[in-house]
């Protein structure tokens, strides 16, 4: 064998060049089981395979710029703005098929894995402050270096049914000695199409002259960076402490008109309904290890002499 032939053989041994491994994730979901197809095309020599394995991992990553960070060196203690990256696994699973045996030279081989992610697994999320992703990795267990697919990123939506907010429970916001009680309900909020927002007003012992009824919708990304070096000054003493840094940004805000001028009689009840479609590119709700994305809705009315708003009601917005 010539020199370059020897190099090629060494490369195949080191990199797993005895087979090309690919994977395909079929209709991934958090709502139940799905399949992963693993394929291996063997090279010019037969391959003895002990097992085929599949690894799955979820990872949450926080990415921030210009974070005030306290540092101490030969020049003393000071604060610098630094890029910050934090990462942690949110899930890890492994599957295998044993007793594979010999794969013939030039053969094409395929295996199907049944995969079901653990209860409480998080969906894919790509926000401004953080992201969460799923990756899959398939390999053949052979002598030497295992041929593998490398880590393959896969988007996995929330799945399942959309969940309505708790609904009208009498816990709305009362103003001016109980003149009106306002509540709002989101019915199966989602990113795929319109859903309904319902507003209820229960008027107290006085008539109300209303100028307008409207809804406010907002979404917020929040992350918490733990153990961040922070500068502390107490009198003449300056030192560094590890503190948790919360960071919050608004990712969406809009206002919807519900009704115009009207008269509400004392002791009456009124309900309105309006359809809402969230904008393209909006992110679903997310509650992770150190990050979350929340949607909220609030109903307000402008009354002569007094305005009233409901509490901010959470909406769990699904991406099905």
C-alpha atoms as a PDB file:
ATOM      1  CA  UNK A   1       0.000   0.000   0.000  1.00  0.00           C
ATOM      2  CA  UNK A   2       1.358   3.425  -0.937  1.00  0.00           C
ATOM      3  CA  UNK A   3       1.826   6.312   1.468  1.00  0.00           C
ATOM      4  CA  UNK A   4      -1.462   8.062   0.540  1.00  0.00           C
ATOM      5  CA  UNK A   5      -3.299   4.744   0.741  1.00  0.00           C
ATOM      6  CA  UNK A   6      -2.016   4.324   4.284  1.00  0.00           C
ATOM      7  CA  UNK A   7      -3.154   7.872   5.124  1.00  0.00           C
ATOM      8  CA  UNK A   8      -6.643   7.090   3.793  1.00  0.00           C
ATOM      9  CA  UNK A   9      -6.847   3.949   5.925  1.00  0.00           C
ATOM     10  CA  UNK A  10      -5.782   5.868   9.014  1.00  0.00           C
ATOM     11  CA  UNK A  11      -8.383   8.551   8.276  1.00  0.00           C
ATOM     12  CA  UNK A  12     -11.163   5.954   8.020  1.00  0.00           C
ATOM     13  CA  UNK A  13     -10.127   4.438  11.342  1.00  0.00           C
ATOM     14  CA  UNK A  14      -9.935   7.766  13.154  1.00  0.00           C
ATOM     15  CA  UNK A  15     -13.058   9.430  11.753  1.00  0.00           C
ATOM     16  CA  UNK A  16     -15.290   6.392  11.418  1.00  0.00           C
ATOM     17  CA  UNK A  17     -15.006   6.430   7.646  1.00  0.00           C
ATOM     18  CA  UNK A  18     -16.193   2.793   7.381  1.00  0.00           C
ATOM     19  CA  UNK A  19     -19.799   3.974   6.943  1.00  0.00           C
ATOM     20  CA  UNK A  20     -21.815   7.114   6.355  1.00  0.00           C
ATOM     21  CA  UNK A  21     -24.465   7.593   9.052  1.00  0.00           C
ATOM     22  CA  UNK A  22     -27.492   9.864   8.671  1.00  0.00           C
ATOM     23  CA  UNK A  23     -30.642  10.353  10.703  1.00  0.00           C
ATOM     24  CA  UNK A  24     -34.133  11.711  10.095  1.00  0.00           C
ATOM     25  CA  UNK A  25     -36.556  12.698  12.846  1.00  0.00           C
ATOM     26  CA  UNK A  26     -40.135  11.924  11.806  1.00  0.00           C
ATOM     27  CA  UNK A  27     -42.787  14.369  13.044  1.00  0.00           C
ATOM     28  CA  UNK A  28     -41.119  15.247  16.353  1.00  0.00           C
ATOM     29  CA  UNK A  29     -43.427  16.314  19.173  1.00  0.00           C
ATOM     30  CA  UNK A  30     -43.533  16.784  22.926  1.00  0.00           C
ATOM     31  CA  UNK A  31     -47.069  15.384  23.055  1.00  0.00           C
ATOM     32  CA  UNK A  32     -46.183  11.695  22.592  1.00  0.00           C
ATOM     33  CA  UNK A  33     -43.970   9.200  20.814  1.00  0.00           C
ATOM     34  CA  UNK A  34     -42.317   9.701  17.413  1.00  0.00           C
ATOM     35  CA  UNK A  35     -39.742   7.861  15.329  1.00  0.00           C
ATOM     36  CA  UNK A  36     -36.168   8.511  14.291  1.00  0.00           C
ATOM     37  CA  UNK A  37     -34.824   6.792  11.177  1.00  0.00           C
ATOM     38  CA  UNK A  38     -31.103   5.997  11.187  1.00  0.00           C
ATOM     39  CA  UNK A  39     -29.381   4.961   7.960  1.00  0.00           C
ATOM     40  CA  UNK A  40     -25.855   3.646   7.430  1.00  0.00           C
ATOM     41  CA  UNK A  41     -24.207   3.188   4.040  1.00  0.00           C
ATOM     42  CA  UNK A  42     -21.174   0.916   4.441  1.00  0.00           C
ATOM     43  CA  UNK A  43     -17.954   1.610   2.521  1.00  0.00           C
ATOM     44  CA  UNK A  44     -15.709  -0.785   0.669  1.00  0.00           C
ATOM     45  CA  UNK A  45     -15.157  -3.147   3.597  1.00  0.00           C
ATOM     46  CA  UNK A  46     -17.640  -5.047   5.745  1.00  0.00           C
ATOM     47  CA  UNK A  47     -18.225  -3.534   9.177  1.00  0.00           C
ATOM     48  CA  UNK A  48     -18.731  -5.429  12.421  1.00  0.00           C
ATOM     49  CA  UNK A  49     -21.242  -3.451  14.519  1.00  0.00           C
ATOM     50  CA  UNK A  50     -22.025  -4.249  18.146  1.00  0.00           C
ATOM     51  CA  UNK A  51     -24.985  -1.857  18.383  1.00  0.00           C
ATOM     52  CA  UNK A  52     -26.637   1.204  16.872  1.00  0.00           C
ATOM     53  CA  UNK A  53     -27.280   4.007  19.332  1.00  0.00           C
ATOM     54  CA  UNK A  54     -29.211   7.259  19.355  1.00  0.00           C
ATOM     55  CA  UNK A  55     -28.599  10.180  21.715  1.00  0.00           C
ATOM     56  CA  UNK A  56     -31.056  13.016  22.335  1.00  0.00           C
ATOM     57  CA  UNK A  57     -30.355  16.193  24.274  1.00  0.00           C
ATOM     58  CA  UNK A  58     -32.081  19.484  25.044  1.00  0.00           C
ATOM     59  CA  UNK A  59     -30.066  22.601  25.800  1.00  0.00           C
ATOM     60  CA  UNK A  60     -31.051  26.046  27.083  1.00  0.00           C
ATOM     61  CA  UNK A  61     -28.642  28.869  26.264  1.00  0.00           C
ATOM     62  CA  UNK A  62     -28.614  32.470  27.470  1.00  0.00           C
ATOM     63  CA  UNK A  63     -26.782  34.998  25.290  1.00  0.00           C
ATOM     64  CA  UNK A  64     -26.327  38.573  26.547  1.00  0.00           C
ATOM     65  CA  UNK A  65     -24.114  41.452  25.457  1.00  0.00           C
ATOM     66  CA  UNK A  66     -22.748  44.407  27.419  1.00  0.00           C
ATOM     67  CA  UNK A  67     -23.340  42.812  30.821  1.00  0.00           C
ATOM     68  CA  UNK A  68     -21.762  44.866  33.666  1.00  0.00           C
ATOM     69  CA  UNK A  69     -19.318  42.435  35.276  1.00  0.00           C
ATOM     70  CA  UNK A  70     -17.017  43.103  38.206  1.00  0.00           C
ATOM     71  CA  UNK A  71     -13.418  41.930  37.814  1.00  0.00           C
ATOM     72  CA  UNK A  72     -10.352  42.075  40.036  1.00  0.00           C
ATOM     73  CA  UNK A  73      -6.765  41.980  38.793  1.00  0.00           C
ATOM     74  CA  UNK A  74      -3.455  43.732  39.352  1.00  0.00           C
ATOM     75  CA  UNK A  75      -5.117  47.052  38.477  1.00  0.00           C
ATOM     76  CA  UNK A  76      -7.693  46.648  41.227  1.00  0.00           C
ATOM     77  CA  UNK A  77     -11.470  46.161  41.172  1.00  0.00           C
ATOM     78  CA  UNK A  78     -13.528  47.591  38.351  1.00  0.00           C
ATOM     79  CA  UNK A  79     -16.594  46.936  36.193  1.00  0.00           C
ATOM     80  CA  UNK A  80     -16.416  45.993  32.516  1.00  0.00           C
ATOM     81  CA  UNK A  81     -19.198  45.286  30.016  1.00  0.00           C
ATOM     82  CA  UNK A  82     -18.751  41.762  28.740  1.00  0.00           C
ATOM     83  CA  UNK A  83     -20.418  39.242  26.482  1.00  0.00           C
ATOM     84  CA  UNK A  84     -22.113  36.534  28.528  1.00  0.00           C
ATOM     85  CA  UNK A  85     -23.037  33.018  27.461  1.00  0.00           C
ATOM     86  CA  UNK A  86     -24.626  30.475  29.811  1.00  0.00           C
ATOM     87  CA  UNK A  87     -25.685  26.982  28.798  1.00  0.00           C
ATOM     88  CA  UNK A  88     -27.269  24.028  30.554  1.00  0.00           C
ATOM     89  CA  UNK A  89     -28.812  20.748  29.519  1.00  0.00           C
ATOM     90  CA  UNK A  90     -32.551  20.387  30.002  1.00  0.00           C
ATOM     91  CA  UNK A  91     -32.823  16.764  28.938  1.00  0.00           C
ATOM     92  CA  UNK A  92     -30.751  13.774  27.827  1.00  0.00           C
ATOM     93  CA  UNK A  93     -31.878  10.353  26.652  1.00  0.00           C
ATOM     94  CA  UNK A  94     -30.190   7.434  24.889  1.00  0.00           C
ATOM     95  CA  UNK A  95     -31.599   4.515  22.918  1.00  0.00           C
ATOM     96  CA  UNK A  96     -29.877   1.506  21.375  1.00  0.00           C
ATOM     97  CA  UNK A  97     -30.397  -1.585  19.258  1.00  0.00           C
ATOM     98  CA  UNK A  98     -28.077  -4.452  20.224  1.00  0.00           C
ATOM     99  CA  UNK A  99     -26.582  -7.461  18.414  1.00  0.00           C
ATOM    100  CA  UNK A 100     -26.303  -5.904  14.964  1.00  0.00           C
ATOM    101  CA  UNK A 101     -23.498  -8.125  13.661  1.00  0.00           C
ATOM    102  CA  UNK A 102     -21.712  -7.703  10.331  1.00  0.00           C
ATOM    103  CA  UNK A 103     -22.849  -5.116   7.789  1.00  0.00           C
ATOM    104  CA  UNK A 104     -21.808  -6.132   4.283  1.00  0.00           C
ATOM    105  CA  UNK A 105     -19.533  -3.917   2.190  1.00  0.00           C
ATOM    106  CA  UNK A 106     -21.525  -1.465   0.066  1.00  0.00           C
ATOM    107  CA  UNK A 107     -24.779  -2.264   1.895  1.00  0.00           C
ATOM    108  CA  UNK A 108     -27.480   0.239   2.843  1.00  0.00           C
ATOM    109  CA  UNK A 109     -28.956  -0.295   6.293  1.00  0.00           C
ATOM    110  CA  UNK A 110     -31.824   1.299   8.198  1.00  0.00           C
ATOM    111  CA  UNK A 111     -33.185   1.204  11.742  1.00  0.00           C
ATOM    112  CA  UNK A 112     -36.172   2.890  13.380  1.00  0.00           C
ATOM    113  CA  UNK A 113     -36.080   4.140  16.959  1.00  0.00           C
ATOM    114  CA  UNK A 114     -39.248   4.887  18.931  1.00  0.00           C
ATOM    115  CA  UNK A 115     -38.584   8.028  20.940  1.00  0.00           C
ATOM    116  CA  UNK A 116     -40.679   9.717  23.609  1.00  0.00           C
ATOM    117  CA  UNK A 117     -39.235  12.709  25.421  1.00  0.00           C
ATOM    118  CA  UNK A 118     -39.599  12.934  29.180  1.00  0.00           C
ATOM    119  CA  UNK A 119     -42.646  14.586  30.723  1.00  0.00           C
ATOM    120  CA  UNK A 120     -42.076  18.301  31.148  1.00  0.00           C
ATOM    121  CA  UNK A 121     -39.624  18.552  28.238  1.00  0.00           C
ATOM    122  CA  UNK A 122     -39.341  22.043  26.793  1.00  0.00           C
ATOM    123  CA  UNK A 123     -40.118  23.092  23.211  1.00  0.00           C
ATOM    124  CA  UNK A 124     -37.744  24.693  20.744  1.00  0.00           C
ATOM    125  CA  UNK A 125     -37.456  28.429  21.409  1.00  0.00           C
ATOM    126  CA  UNK A 126     -35.423  31.104  19.623  1.00  0.00           C
ATOM    127  CA  UNK A 127     -35.713  34.440  21.383  1.00  0.00           C
ATOM    128  CA  UNK A 128     -33.702  37.608  21.824  1.00  0.00           C
ATOM    129  CA  UNK A 129     -32.174  36.777  25.212  1.00  0.00           C
ATOM    130  CA  UNK A 130     -32.155  32.989  25.113  1.00  0.00           C
ATOM    131  CA  UNK A 131     -32.819  29.917  23.009  1.00  0.00           C
ATOM    132  CA  UNK A 132     -33.687  26.298  23.621  1.00  0.00           C
ATOM    133  CA  UNK A 133     -32.957  23.543  21.142  1.00  0.00           C
ATOM    134  CA  UNK A 134     -33.029  19.777  20.625  1.00  0.00           C
ATOM    135  CA  UNK A 135     -30.257  17.773  18.962  1.00  0.00           C
ATOM    136  CA  UNK A 136     -30.052  14.132  17.874  1.00  0.00           C
ATOM    137  CA  UNK A 137     -26.922  12.045  17.368  1.00  0.00           C
ATOM    138  CA  UNK A 138     -26.728   8.526  15.864  1.00  0.00           C
ATOM    139  CA  UNK A 139     -23.700   6.245  15.825  1.00  0.00           C
ATOM    140  CA  UNK A 140     -22.500   2.717  15.152  1.00  0.00           C
ATOM    141  CA  UNK A 141     -20.575   1.023  17.947  1.00  0.00           C
ATOM    142  CA  UNK A 142     -17.533  -0.487  16.204  1.00  0.00           C
ATOM    143  CA  UNK A 143     -13.927  -1.209  17.031  1.00  0.00           C
ATOM    144  CA  UNK A 144     -12.008   2.052  16.717  1.00  0.00           C
ATOM    145  CA  UNK A 145     -13.795   5.332  16.053  1.00  0.00           C
ATOM    146  CA  UNK A 146     -17.582   5.098  15.716  1.00  0.00           C
ATOM    147  CA  UNK A 147     -19.134   6.301  12.459  1.00  0.00           C
ATOM    148  CA  UNK A 148     -21.747   8.881  13.437  1.00  0.00           C
ATOM    149  CA  UNK A 149     -24.164  11.469  12.128  1.00  0.00           C
ATOM    150  CA  UNK A 150     -22.887  14.337  14.254  1.00  0.00           C
ATOM    151  CA  UNK A 151     -25.350  16.384  16.304  1.00  0.00           C
ATOM    152  CA  UNK A 152     -28.386  17.295  14.197  1.00  0.00           C
ATOM    153  CA  UNK A 153     -30.630  20.147  15.389  1.00  0.00           C
ATOM    154  CA  UNK A 154     -34.380  19.501  15.199  1.00  0.00           C
ATOM    155  CA  UNK A 155     -37.256  21.879  15.911  1.00  0.00           C
ATOM    156  CA  UNK A 156     -39.831  20.459  18.322  1.00  0.00           C
ATOM    157  CA  UNK A 157     -43.000  22.443  18.927  1.00  0.00           C
ATOM    158  CA  UNK A 158     -45.063  22.389  22.089  1.00  0.00           C
ATOM    159  CA  UNK A 159     -47.689  20.017  20.681  1.00  0.00           C
ATOM    160  CA  UNK A 160     -50.901  18.994  22.376  1.00  0.00           C
ATOM    161  CA  UNK A 161     -54.016  21.064  22.845  1.00  0.00           C
ATOM    162  CA  UNK A 162     -54.025  24.799  23.408  1.00  0.00           C
ATOM    163  CA  UNK A 163     -54.871  25.735  26.995  1.00  0.00           C
ATOM    164  CA  UNK A 164     -57.345  28.473  27.854  1.00  0.00           C
ATOM    165  CA  UNK A 165     -56.678  30.922  30.655  1.00  0.00           C
ATOM    166  CA  UNK A 166     -58.543  30.198  33.904  1.00  0.00           C
ATOM    167  CA  UNK A 167     -61.613  32.111  32.762  1.00  0.00           C
ATOM    168  CA  UNK A 168     -64.012  34.266  34.716  1.00  0.00           C
ATOM    169  CA  UNK A 169     -63.600  33.544  38.401  1.00  0.00           C
ATOM    170  CA  UNK A 170     -64.765  36.751  40.050  1.00  0.00           C
ATOM    171  CA  UNK A 171     -61.212  37.776  40.830  1.00  0.00           C
ATOM    172  CA  UNK A 172     -61.054  40.705  38.445  1.00  0.00           C
ATOM    173  CA  UNK A 173     -60.152  44.255  39.362  1.00  0.00           C
ATOM    174  CA  UNK A 174     -62.711  46.364  41.240  1.00  0.00           C
ATOM    175  CA  UNK A 175     -62.371  50.148  41.326  1.00  0.00           C
ATOM    176  CA  UNK A 176     -63.916  53.088  43.137  1.00  0.00           C
ATOM    177  CA  UNK A 177     -65.672  51.166  45.883  1.00  0.00           C
ATOM    178  CA  UNK A 178     -66.784  48.351  43.597  1.00  0.00           C
ATOM    179  CA  UNK A 179     -68.164  50.410  40.680  1.00  0.00           C
ATOM    180  CA  UNK A 180     -67.073  47.738  38.180  1.00  0.00           C
ATOM    181  CA  UNK A 181     -65.302  44.393  38.146  1.00  0.00           C
ATOM    182  CA  UNK A 182     -63.364  43.504  34.970  1.00  0.00           C
ATOM    183  CA  UNK A 183     -62.089  40.106  33.866  1.00  0.00           C
ATOM    184  CA  UNK A 184     -60.572  38.723  30.671  1.00  0.00           C
ATOM    185  CA  UNK A 185     -60.252  35.169  29.324  1.00  0.00           C
ATOM    186  CA  UNK A 186     -58.136  33.815  26.438  1.00  0.00           C
ATOM    187  CA  UNK A 187     -59.697  30.805  24.692  1.00  0.00           C
ATOM    188  CA  UNK A 188     -57.096  28.293  23.415  1.00  0.00           C
ATOM    189  CA  UNK A 189     -54.410  30.876  22.556  1.00  0.00           C
ATOM    190  CA  UNK A 190     -51.993  29.702  19.855  1.00  0.00           C
ATOM    191  CA  UNK A 191     -49.640  30.901  17.110  1.00  0.00           C
ATOM    192  CA  UNK A 192     -51.384  29.192  14.202  1.00  0.00           C
ATOM    193  CA  UNK A 193     -54.461  31.342  13.731  1.00  0.00           C
ATOM    194  CA  UNK A 194     -57.099  33.507  15.391  1.00  0.00           C
ATOM    195  CA  UNK A 195     -58.319  32.745  18.890  1.00  0.00           C
ATOM    196  CA  UNK A 196     -60.880  34.486  21.045  1.00  0.00           C
ATOM    197  CA  UNK A 197     -60.457  36.931  23.895  1.00  0.00           C
ATOM    198  CA  UNK A 198     -63.506  37.435  26.108  1.00  0.00           C
ATOM    199  CA  UNK A 199     -64.106  40.368  28.427  1.00  0.00           C
ATOM    200  CA  UNK A 200     -66.667  40.514  31.215  1.00  0.00           C
ATOM    201  CA  UNK A 201     -67.705  43.588  33.198  1.00  0.00           C
ATOM    202  CA  UNK A 202     -69.877  43.355  36.323  1.00  0.00           C
ATOM    203  CA  UNK A 203     -71.160  46.799  37.274  1.00  0.00           C
ATOM    204  CA  UNK A 204     -71.581  47.808  40.892  1.00  0.00           C
ATOM    205  CA  UNK A 205     -74.243  49.993  42.473  1.00  0.00           C
ATOM    206  CA  UNK A 206     -73.766  52.996  40.157  1.00  0.00           C
ATOM    207  CA  UNK A 207     -74.420  53.529  36.447  1.00  0.00           C
ATOM    208  CA  UNK A 208     -71.287  53.940  34.344  1.00  0.00           C
ATOM    209  CA  UNK A 209     -70.800  56.058  31.248  1.00  0.00           C
ATOM    210  CA  UNK A 210     -68.095  54.349  29.199  1.00  0.00           C
ATOM    211  CA  UNK A 211     -66.039  56.053  26.495  1.00  0.00           C
ATOM    212  CA  UNK A 212     -64.188  52.965  25.259  1.00  0.00           C
ATOM    213  CA  UNK A 213     -63.347  49.352  26.085  1.00  0.00           C
ATOM    214  CA  UNK A 214     -59.988  47.988  24.938  1.00  0.00           C
ATOM    215  CA  UNK A 215     -57.507  45.139  25.421  1.00  0.00           C
ATOM    216  CA  UNK A 216     -53.764  45.262  25.974  1.00  0.00           C
ATOM    217  CA  UNK A 217     -51.621  42.282  24.924  1.00  0.00           C
ATOM    218  CA  UNK A 218     -47.952  41.932  25.789  1.00  0.00           C
ATOM    219  CA  UNK A 219     -45.174  39.355  25.858  1.00  0.00           C
ATOM    220  CA  UNK A 220     -41.985  39.451  27.903  1.00  0.00           C
ATOM    221  CA  UNK A 221     -38.715  37.516  27.829  1.00  0.00           C
ATOM    222  CA  UNK A 222     -37.023  37.057  31.188  1.00  0.00           C
ATOM    223  CA  UNK A 223     -33.713  35.419  32.114  1.00  0.00           C
ATOM    224  CA  UNK A 224     -31.843  35.128  35.387  1.00  0.00           C
ATOM    225  CA  UNK A 225     -28.043  34.989  35.309  1.00  0.00           C
ATOM    226  CA  UNK A 226     -26.898  33.430  38.546  1.00  0.00           C
ATOM    227  CA  UNK A 227     -23.611  34.034  40.350  1.00  0.00           C
ATOM    228  CA  UNK A 228     -22.642  37.122  38.352  1.00  0.00           C
ATOM    229  CA  UNK A 229     -19.611  38.965  39.822  1.00  0.00           C
ATOM    230  CA  UNK A 230     -21.058  42.275  41.028  1.00  0.00           C
ATOM    231  CA  UNK A 231     -19.328  45.346  42.450  1.00  0.00           C
ATOM    232  CA  UNK A 232     -20.462  46.288  45.975  1.00  0.00           C
ATOM    233  CA  UNK A 233     -19.583  49.585  47.638  1.00  0.00           C
ATOM    234  CA  UNK A 234     -20.171  50.044  51.373  1.00  0.00           C
ATOM    235  CA  UNK A 235     -18.673  53.279  52.641  1.00  0.00           C
ATOM    236  CA  UNK A 236     -14.934  53.099  51.946  1.00  0.00           C
ATOM    237  CA  UNK A 237     -15.028  49.365  51.305  1.00  0.00           C
ATOM    238  CA  UNK A 238     -15.276  47.985  47.782  1.00  0.00           C
ATOM    239  CA  UNK A 239     -15.563  44.271  47.072  1.00  0.00           C
ATOM    240  CA  UNK A 240     -17.082  41.713  44.697  1.00  0.00           C
ATOM    241  CA  UNK A 241     -20.109  39.539  45.444  1.00  0.00           C
ATOM    242  CA  UNK A 242     -21.793  36.824  43.414  1.00  0.00           C
ATOM    243  CA  UNK A 243     -25.351  37.948  42.723  1.00  0.00           C
ATOM    244  CA  UNK A 244     -28.229  36.873  40.500  1.00  0.00           C
ATOM    245  CA  UNK A 245     -28.980  39.286  37.658  1.00  0.00           C
ATOM    246  CA  UNK A 246     -32.534  39.365  36.241  1.00  0.00           C
ATOM    247  CA  UNK A 247     -32.850  40.687  32.680  1.00  0.00           C
ATOM    248  CA  UNK A 248     -36.230  41.470  31.088  1.00  0.00           C
ATOM    249  CA  UNK A 249     -37.272  42.783  27.677  1.00  0.00           C
ATOM    250  CA  UNK A 250     -40.669  43.354  26.092  1.00  0.00           C
ATOM    251  CA  UNK A 251     -41.027  41.346  22.886  1.00  0.00           C
ATOM    252  CA  UNK A 252     -44.542  42.361  21.854  1.00  0.00           C
ATOM    253  CA  UNK A 253     -47.163  44.965  22.766  1.00  0.00           C
ATOM    254  CA  UNK A 254     -50.436  45.862  21.106  1.00  0.00           C
ATOM    255  CA  UNK A 255     -53.806  47.385  21.892  1.00  0.00           C
ATOM    256  CA  UNK A 256     -57.176  46.244  20.519  1.00  0.00           C
ATOM    257  CA  UNK A 257     -60.395  48.238  20.497  1.00  0.00           C
ATOM    258  CA  UNK A 258     -63.356  46.259  21.845  1.00  0.00           C
ATOM    259  CA  UNK A 259     -66.200  48.776  22.085  1.00  0.00           C
ATOM    260  CA  UNK A 260     -66.924  52.478  21.930  1.00  0.00           C
ATOM    261  CA  UNK A 261     -69.136  54.829  23.900  1.00  0.00           C
ATOM    262  CA  UNK A 262     -71.913  53.133  25.882  1.00  0.00           C
ATOM    263  CA  UNK A 263     -73.926  53.301  29.097  1.00  0.00           C
ATOM    264  CA  UNK A 264     -73.669  50.483  31.640  1.00  0.00           C
ATOM    265  CA  UNK A 265     -76.491  50.230  34.145  1.00  0.00           C
ATOM    266  CA  UNK A 266     -75.960  49.488  37.817  1.00  0.00           C
ATOM    267  CA  UNK A 267     -75.879  45.760  38.762  1.00  0.00           C
ATOM    268  CA  UNK A 268     -75.666  44.704  35.096  1.00  0.00           C
ATOM    269  CA  UNK A 269     -73.276  42.226  33.476  1.00  0.00           C
ATOM    270  CA  UNK A 270     -71.721  42.672  30.037  1.00  0.00           C
ATOM    271  CA  UNK A 271     -69.533  40.458  27.863  1.00  0.00           C
ATOM    272  CA  UNK A 272     -67.537  41.131  24.691  1.00  0.00           C
ATOM    273  CA  UNK A 273     -65.550  38.825  22.437  1.00  0.00           C
ATOM    274  CA  UNK A 274     -62.832  39.709  19.954  1.00  0.00           C
ATOM    275  CA  UNK A 275     -60.605  37.587  17.729  1.00  0.00           C
ATOM    276  CA  UNK A 276     -56.836  37.953  17.969  1.00  0.00           C
ATOM    277  CA  UNK A 277     -54.132  36.689  15.623  1.00  0.00           C
ATOM    278  CA  UNK A 278     -50.601  37.004  16.924  1.00  0.00           C
ATOM    279  CA  UNK A 279     -48.024  38.395  14.463  1.00  0.00           C
ATOM    280  CA  UNK A 280     -45.829  36.161  12.273  1.00  0.00           C
ATOM    281  CA  UNK A 281     -42.587  35.260  13.986  1.00  0.00           C
ATOM    282  CA  UNK A 282     -44.036  35.502  17.485  1.00  0.00           C
ATOM    283  CA  UNK A 283     -42.695  32.978  19.983  1.00  0.00           C
ATOM    284  CA  UNK A 284     -44.807  30.599  22.085  1.00  0.00           C
ATOM    285  CA  UNK A 285     -44.947  30.589  25.855  1.00  0.00           C
ATOM    286  CA  UNK A 286     -41.905  29.051  27.514  1.00  0.00           C
ATOM    287  CA  UNK A 287     -40.987  28.225  31.104  1.00  0.00           C
ATOM    288  CA  UNK A 288     -37.448  26.914  31.377  1.00  0.00           C
ATOM    289  CA  UNK A 289     -34.649  26.414  33.854  1.00  0.00           C
ATOM    290  CA  UNK A 290     -33.340  29.995  33.952  1.00  0.00           C
ATOM    291  CA  UNK A 291     -35.497  31.668  31.307  1.00  0.00           C
ATOM    292  CA  UNK A 292     -39.117  32.176  30.391  1.00  0.00           C
ATOM    293  CA  UNK A 293     -41.333  33.854  27.823  1.00  0.00           C
ATOM    294  CA  UNK A 294     -44.775  34.917  29.004  1.00  0.00           C
ATOM    295  CA  UNK A 295     -47.889  36.267  27.300  1.00  0.00           C
ATOM    296  CA  UNK A 296     -50.432  38.385  29.180  1.00  0.00           C
ATOM    297  CA  UNK A 297     -53.684  40.161  28.388  1.00  0.00           C
ATOM    298  CA  UNK A 298     -55.478  42.943  30.232  1.00  0.00           C
ATOM    299  CA  UNK A 299     -58.937  44.440  29.692  1.00  0.00           C
ATOM    300  CA  UNK A 300     -59.511  48.144  30.321  1.00  0.00           C
ATOM    301  CA  UNK A 301     -62.383  50.553  30.095  1.00  0.00           C
ATOM    302  CA  UNK A 302     -62.293  54.332  30.057  1.00  0.00           C
ATOM    303  CA  UNK A 303     -65.137  55.731  32.129  1.00  0.00           C
ATOM    304  CA  UNK A 304     -66.069  59.316  32.858  1.00  0.00           C
ATOM    305  CA  UNK A 305     -64.618  60.031  36.276  1.00  0.00           C
ATOM    306  CA  UNK A 306     -62.712  56.773  36.594  1.00  0.00           C
ATOM    307  CA  UNK A 307     -60.842  54.240  34.477  1.00  0.00           C
ATOM    308  CA  UNK A 308     -60.565  50.547  35.258  1.00  0.00           C
ATOM    309  CA  UNK A 309     -58.337  47.684  34.143  1.00  0.00           C
ATOM    310  CA  UNK A 310     -58.424  43.997  34.945  1.00  0.00           C
ATOM    311  CA  UNK A 311     -55.410  42.241  36.378  1.00  0.00           C
ATOM    312  CA  UNK A 312     -52.866  41.035  33.833  1.00  0.00           C
ATOM    313  CA  UNK A 313     -54.069  37.550  32.922  1.00  0.00           C
ATOM    314  CA  UNK A 314     -51.501  34.974  31.725  1.00  0.00           C
ATOM    315  CA  UNK A 315     -52.030  33.267  28.351  1.00  0.00           C
ATOM    316  CA  UNK A 316     -50.208  29.995  27.674  1.00  0.00           C
ATOM    317  CA  UNK A 317     -49.662  30.402  23.930  1.00  0.00           C
ATOM    318  CA  UNK A 318     -49.024  27.043  22.247  1.00  0.00           C
ATOM    319  CA  UNK A 319     -47.177  26.362  19.021  1.00  0.00           C
ATOM    320  CA  UNK A 320     -48.859  23.207  17.733  1.00  0.00           C
END
